[in-house]
C-alpha atoms as a PDB file:
ATOM      1  CA  UNK A   1     -30.728  -9.688 229.271  1.00  0.00           C
ATOM      2  CA  UNK A   2     -28.770  -6.413 229.340  1.00  0.00           C
ATOM      3  CA  UNK A   3     -29.857  -3.051 227.566  1.00  0.00           C
ATOM      4  CA  UNK A   4     -27.011  -3.308 225.437  1.00  0.00           C
ATOM      5  CA  UNK A   5     -28.123  -6.743 223.605  1.00  0.00           C
ATOM      6  CA  UNK A   6     -31.915  -5.548 223.275  1.00  0.00           C
ATOM      7  CA  UNK A   7     -32.666  -5.271 219.651  1.00  0.00           C
ATOM      8  CA  UNK A   8     -34.646  -2.277 218.029  1.00  0.00           C
ATOM      9  CA  UNK A   9     -34.437  -0.732 214.805  1.00  0.00           C
ATOM     10  CA  UNK A  10     -34.389   3.153 213.619  1.00  0.00           C
ATOM     11  CA  UNK A  11     -37.101   4.801 211.923  1.00  0.00           C
ATOM     12  CA  UNK A  12     -35.237   4.145 208.792  1.00  0.00           C
ATOM     13  CA  UNK A  13     -35.492   0.648 209.395  1.00  0.00           C
ATOM     14  CA  UNK A  14     -32.087  -0.232 210.255  1.00  0.00           C
ATOM     15  CA  UNK A  15     -30.855  -2.114 213.309  1.00  0.00           C
ATOM     16  CA  UNK A  16     -29.836   0.271 216.036  1.00  0.00           C
ATOM     17  CA  UNK A  17     -26.805  -1.217 218.418  1.00  0.00           C
ATOM     18  CA  UNK A  18     -27.404   0.251 221.897  1.00  0.00           C
ATOM     19  CA  UNK A  19     -23.845  -0.943 222.817  1.00  0.00           C
ATOM     20  CA  UNK A  20     -22.318   2.012 220.515  1.00  0.00           C
ATOM     21  CA  UNK A  21     -23.637   4.290 223.655  1.00  0.00           C
ATOM     22  CA  UNK A  22     -21.865   2.694 226.028  1.00  0.00           C
ATOM     23  CA  UNK A  23     -19.878   5.173 227.688  1.00  0.00           C
ATOM     24  CA  UNK A  24     -22.640   7.679 227.593  1.00  0.00           C
ATOM     25  CA  UNK A  25     -25.948   8.076 229.582  1.00  0.00           C
ATOM     26  CA  UNK A  26     -28.939   7.114 227.482  1.00  0.00           C
ATOM     27  CA  UNK A  27     -32.291   9.032 227.807  1.00  0.00           C
ATOM     28  CA  UNK A  28     -35.024   7.322 226.260  1.00  0.00           C
ATOM     29  CA  UNK A  29     -38.591   8.954 225.261  1.00  0.00           C
ATOM     30  CA  UNK A  30     -41.836   7.579 224.276  1.00  0.00           C
ATOM     31  CA  UNK A  31     -42.906  10.049 221.744  1.00  0.00           C
ATOM     32  CA  UNK A  32     -46.077  11.055 219.886  1.00  0.00           C
ATOM     33  CA  UNK A  33     -46.553  13.666 217.217  1.00  0.00           C
ATOM     34  CA  UNK A  34     -49.928  14.772 218.173  1.00  0.00           C
ATOM     35  CA  UNK A  35     -49.342  15.181 222.279  1.00  0.00           C
ATOM     36  CA  UNK A  36     -49.829  18.162 224.384  1.00  0.00           C
ATOM     37  CA  UNK A  37     -46.208  16.976 225.069  1.00  0.00           C
ATOM     38  CA  UNK A  38     -45.163  17.102 221.712  1.00  0.00           C
ATOM     39  CA  UNK A  39     -43.241  20.663 222.156  1.00  0.00           C
ATOM     40  CA  UNK A  40     -40.577  18.592 224.466  1.00  0.00           C
ATOM     41  CA  UNK A  41     -39.448  17.782 221.008  1.00  0.00           C
ATOM     42  CA  UNK A  42     -37.530  21.406 221.275  1.00  0.00           C
ATOM     43  CA  UNK A  43     -35.972  20.487 224.789  1.00  0.00           C
ATOM     44  CA  UNK A  44     -35.304  17.225 224.070  1.00  0.00           C
ATOM     45  CA  UNK A  45     -33.059  18.502 220.972  1.00  0.00           C
ATOM     46  CA  UNK A  46     -31.441  21.228 222.978  1.00  0.00           C
ATOM     47  CA  UNK A  47     -30.519  18.815 226.061  1.00  0.00           C
ATOM     48  CA  UNK A  48     -29.208  16.715 223.501  1.00  0.00           C
ATOM     49  CA  UNK A  49     -27.107  18.879 221.609  1.00  0.00           C
ATOM     50  CA  UNK A  50     -25.896  20.759 225.214  1.00  0.00           C
ATOM     51  CA  UNK A  51     -24.752  16.890 226.541  1.00  0.00           C
ATOM     52  CA  UNK A  52     -24.226  15.481 223.535  1.00  0.00           C
ATOM     53  CA  UNK A  53     -20.334  14.611 224.423  1.00  0.00           C
ATOM     54  CA  UNK A  54     -22.084  12.426 227.413  1.00  0.00           C
ATOM     55  CA  UNK A  55     -25.641  11.929 226.781  1.00  0.00           C
ATOM     56  CA  UNK A  56     -28.049   9.883 223.732  1.00  0.00           C
ATOM     57  CA  UNK A  57     -31.377  11.123 223.713  1.00  0.00           C
ATOM     58  CA  UNK A  58     -33.491   8.082 221.421  1.00  0.00           C
ATOM     59  CA  UNK A  59     -36.913   8.960 220.742  1.00  0.00           C
ATOM     60  CA  UNK A  60     -39.340   6.206 220.487  1.00  0.00           C
ATOM     61  CA  UNK A  61     -42.704   6.588 218.697  1.00  0.00           C
ATOM     62  CA  UNK A  62     -45.395   5.228 220.174  1.00  0.00           C
ATOM     63  CA  UNK A  63     -49.516   5.154 219.185  1.00  0.00           C
ATOM     64  CA  UNK A  64     -50.584   3.316 222.253  1.00  0.00           C
ATOM     65  CA  UNK A  65     -51.755   7.113 224.215  1.00  0.00           C
ATOM     66  CA  UNK A  66     -54.740   8.494 222.490  1.00  0.00           C
ATOM     67  CA  UNK A  67     -53.193   7.147 219.045  1.00  0.00           C
ATOM     68  CA  UNK A  68     -51.560  10.189 219.371  1.00  0.00           C
ATOM     69  CA  UNK A  69     -48.583   8.668 216.405  1.00  0.00           C
ATOM     70  CA  UNK A  70     -50.688   7.584 213.862  1.00  0.00           C
ATOM     71  CA  UNK A  71     -48.069   8.474 211.183  1.00  0.00           C
ATOM     72  CA  UNK A  72     -45.770   6.336 208.907  1.00  0.00           C
ATOM     73  CA  UNK A  73     -42.094   6.354 209.614  1.00  0.00           C
ATOM     74  CA  UNK A  74     -41.708   8.948 207.062  1.00  0.00           C
ATOM     75  CA  UNK A  75     -44.246  10.911 208.345  1.00  0.00           C
ATOM     76  CA  UNK A  76     -42.582  11.237 211.679  1.00  0.00           C
ATOM     77  CA  UNK A  77     -39.375  11.604 210.481  1.00  0.00           C
ATOM     78  CA  UNK A  78     -40.176  14.659 208.414  1.00  0.00           C
ATOM     79  CA  UNK A  79     -42.540  16.028 211.617  1.00  0.00           C
ATOM     80  CA  UNK A  80     -39.627  15.515 213.805  1.00  0.00           C
ATOM     81  CA  UNK A  81     -37.150  17.323 211.390  1.00  0.00           C
ATOM     82  CA  UNK A  82     -39.215  19.722 210.060  1.00  0.00           C
ATOM     83  CA  UNK A  83     -40.801  21.062 213.038  1.00  0.00           C
ATOM     84  CA  UNK A  84     -38.234  20.898 215.762  1.00  0.00           C
ATOM     85  CA  UNK A  85     -35.332  20.202 213.945  1.00  0.00           C
ATOM     86  CA  UNK A  86     -34.605  16.885 215.615  1.00  0.00           C
ATOM     87  CA  UNK A  87     -31.208  15.303 215.101  1.00  0.00           C
ATOM     88  CA  UNK A  88     -31.305  12.622 217.798  1.00  0.00           C
ATOM     89  CA  UNK A  89     -32.130   9.023 217.311  1.00  0.00           C
ATOM     90  CA  UNK A  90     -35.256   8.065 216.503  1.00  0.00           C
ATOM     91  CA  UNK A  91     -36.523   4.339 216.580  1.00  0.00           C
ATOM     92  CA  UNK A  92     -39.049   2.437 214.552  1.00  0.00           C
ATOM     93  CA  UNK A  93     -42.871   2.620 216.425  1.00  0.00           C
ATOM     94  CA  UNK A  94     -43.622   0.405 218.876  1.00  0.00           C
ATOM     95  CA  UNK A  95     -45.418  -1.006 221.843  1.00  0.00           C
ATOM     96  CA  UNK A  96     -44.208   0.612 225.010  1.00  0.00           C
ATOM     97  CA  UNK A  97     -46.878  -1.562 227.368  1.00  0.00           C
ATOM     98  CA  UNK A  98     -48.986  -4.560 227.127  1.00  0.00           C
ATOM     99  CA  UNK A  99     -48.959  -7.695 225.339  1.00  0.00           C
ATOM    100  CA  UNK A 100     -46.973  -6.726 222.742  1.00  0.00           C
ATOM    101  CA  UNK A 101     -44.505  -4.807 225.038  1.00  0.00           C
ATOM    102  CA  UNK A 102     -41.232  -4.165 222.851  1.00  0.00           C
ATOM    103  CA  UNK A 103     -38.089  -5.886 224.704  1.00  0.00           C
ATOM    104  CA  UNK A 104     -36.407  -2.497 225.152  1.00  0.00           C
ATOM    105  CA  UNK A 105     -39.579  -1.239 227.117  1.00  0.00           C
ATOM    106  CA  UNK A 106     -39.736  -4.643 228.935  1.00  0.00           C
ATOM    107  CA  UNK A 107     -36.022  -4.200 230.406  1.00  0.00           C
ATOM    108  CA  UNK A 108     -37.105  -0.119 231.516  1.00  0.00           C
ATOM    109  CA  UNK A 109     -40.278  -1.140 233.429  1.00  0.00           C
ATOM    110  CA  UNK A 110     -39.527  -4.430 235.013  1.00  0.00           C
ATOM    111  CA  UNK A 111     -37.284  -4.502 238.031  1.00  0.00           C
ATOM    112  CA  UNK A 112     -36.649  -8.293 237.574  1.00  0.00           C
ATOM    113  CA  UNK A 113     -34.555  -7.012 234.004  1.00  0.00           C
ATOM    114  CA  UNK A 114     -33.421  -3.513 235.004  1.00  0.00           C
ATOM    115  CA  UNK A 115     -32.718  -4.312 238.420  1.00  0.00           C
ATOM    116  CA  UNK A 116     -33.763  -1.148 239.996  1.00  0.00           C
ATOM    117  CA  UNK A 117     -37.507  -0.406 239.708  1.00  0.00           C
ATOM    118  CA  UNK A 118     -40.709  -1.395 238.383  1.00  0.00           C
ATOM    119  CA  UNK A 119     -42.746   0.981 236.569  1.00  0.00           C
ATOM    120  CA  UNK A 120     -45.650   1.617 234.109  1.00  0.00           C
ATOM    121  CA  UNK A 121     -45.626   3.895 231.337  1.00  0.00           C
ATOM    122  CA  UNK A 122     -48.249   6.451 231.843  1.00  0.00           C
ATOM    123  CA  UNK A 123     -48.268   8.703 228.936  1.00  0.00           C
ATOM    124  CA  UNK A 124     -46.367  10.224 225.831  1.00  0.00           C
ATOM    125  CA  UNK A 125     -43.004  11.452 226.544  1.00  0.00           C
ATOM    126  CA  UNK A 126     -41.885   9.369 229.848  1.00  0.00           C
ATOM    127  CA  UNK A 127     -38.854   9.711 230.227  1.00  0.00           C
ATOM    128  CA  UNK A 128     -36.009   6.775 231.445  1.00  0.00           C
ATOM    129  CA  UNK A 129     -32.502   7.613 231.941  1.00  0.00           C
ATOM    130  CA  UNK A 130     -29.594   4.698 231.789  1.00  0.00           C
ATOM    131  CA  UNK A 131     -26.379   5.266 233.024  1.00  0.00           C
ATOM    132  CA  UNK A 132     -22.726   5.061 231.069  1.00  0.00           C
ATOM    133  CA  UNK A 133     -23.134   1.264 231.942  1.00  0.00           C
ATOM    134  CA  UNK A 134     -26.410   0.344 231.098  1.00  0.00           C
ATOM    135  CA  UNK A 135     -27.936   0.524 234.469  1.00  0.00           C
ATOM    136  CA  UNK A 136     -31.115   2.471 234.838  1.00  0.00           C
ATOM    137  CA  UNK A 137     -30.945   5.742 236.867  1.00  0.00           C
ATOM    138  CA  UNK A 138     -34.815   6.415 237.209  1.00  0.00           C
ATOM    139  CA  UNK A 139     -37.723   7.273 235.145  1.00  0.00           C
ATOM    140  CA  UNK A 140     -39.655  10.459 234.767  1.00  0.00           C
ATOM    141  CA  UNK A 141     -43.238  11.148 234.089  1.00  0.00           C
ATOM    142  CA  UNK A 142     -44.544  13.497 230.751  1.00  0.00           C
ATOM    143  CA  UNK A 143     -44.838  16.512 232.816  1.00  0.00           C
ATOM    144  CA  UNK A 144     -41.024  16.389 233.601  1.00  0.00           C
ATOM    145  CA  UNK A 145     -39.688  18.745 231.384  1.00  0.00           C
ATOM    146  CA  UNK A 146     -36.373  17.329 229.327  1.00  0.00           C
ATOM    147  CA  UNK A 147     -34.332  20.334 231.099  1.00  0.00           C
ATOM    148  CA  UNK A 148     -35.631  19.652 234.631  1.00  0.00           C
ATOM    149  CA  UNK A 149     -32.999  19.626 237.581  1.00  0.00           C
ATOM    150  CA  UNK A 150     -34.327  15.969 237.890  1.00  0.00           C
ATOM    151  CA  UNK A 151     -32.404  14.950 235.033  1.00  0.00           C
ATOM    152  CA  UNK A 152     -29.545  17.553 234.545  1.00  0.00           C
ATOM    153  CA  UNK A 153     -28.273  16.911 237.754  1.00  0.00           C
ATOM    154  CA  UNK A 154     -26.964  13.147 236.439  1.00  0.00           C
ATOM    155  CA  UNK A 155     -25.426  15.158 233.639  1.00  0.00           C
ATOM    156  CA  UNK A 156     -23.349  17.900 235.167  1.00  0.00           C
ATOM    157  CA  UNK A 157     -21.312  15.465 237.024  1.00  0.00           C
ATOM    158  CA  UNK A 158     -18.199  15.293 234.980  1.00  0.00           C
END
């Protein structure tokens, strides 16, 4: 299974074809509206605006950490738009760990699938950066800000 074959829907329930983003890096972030890290939406939006020619940011709502994303798809969409002006892609709400872990996060967290490294999603706003060819570059815990040099050093190469 490669990254681009994984099926996931948008927040509006429409299928997302991840291969549409082949040729760009993708930053996947499990997001939540009621988290202490929620203010990172603003920095994620800025990162997306600054690097949108070479980066796609994809927010992935998840309610598994402190039940901090309890809302419906409409609630999430309105929250992101009204409070942070989010224009990057937001997916349907999924599980990022456990028995019902979505295939996207199986790929992101399991070395046998991503061929790079194993990881566990520890909390909301953990970030996974994938290169233009669908290979995992690295992951970053919630405390790593979206505009951190750890992330942007991979974006300033062109």
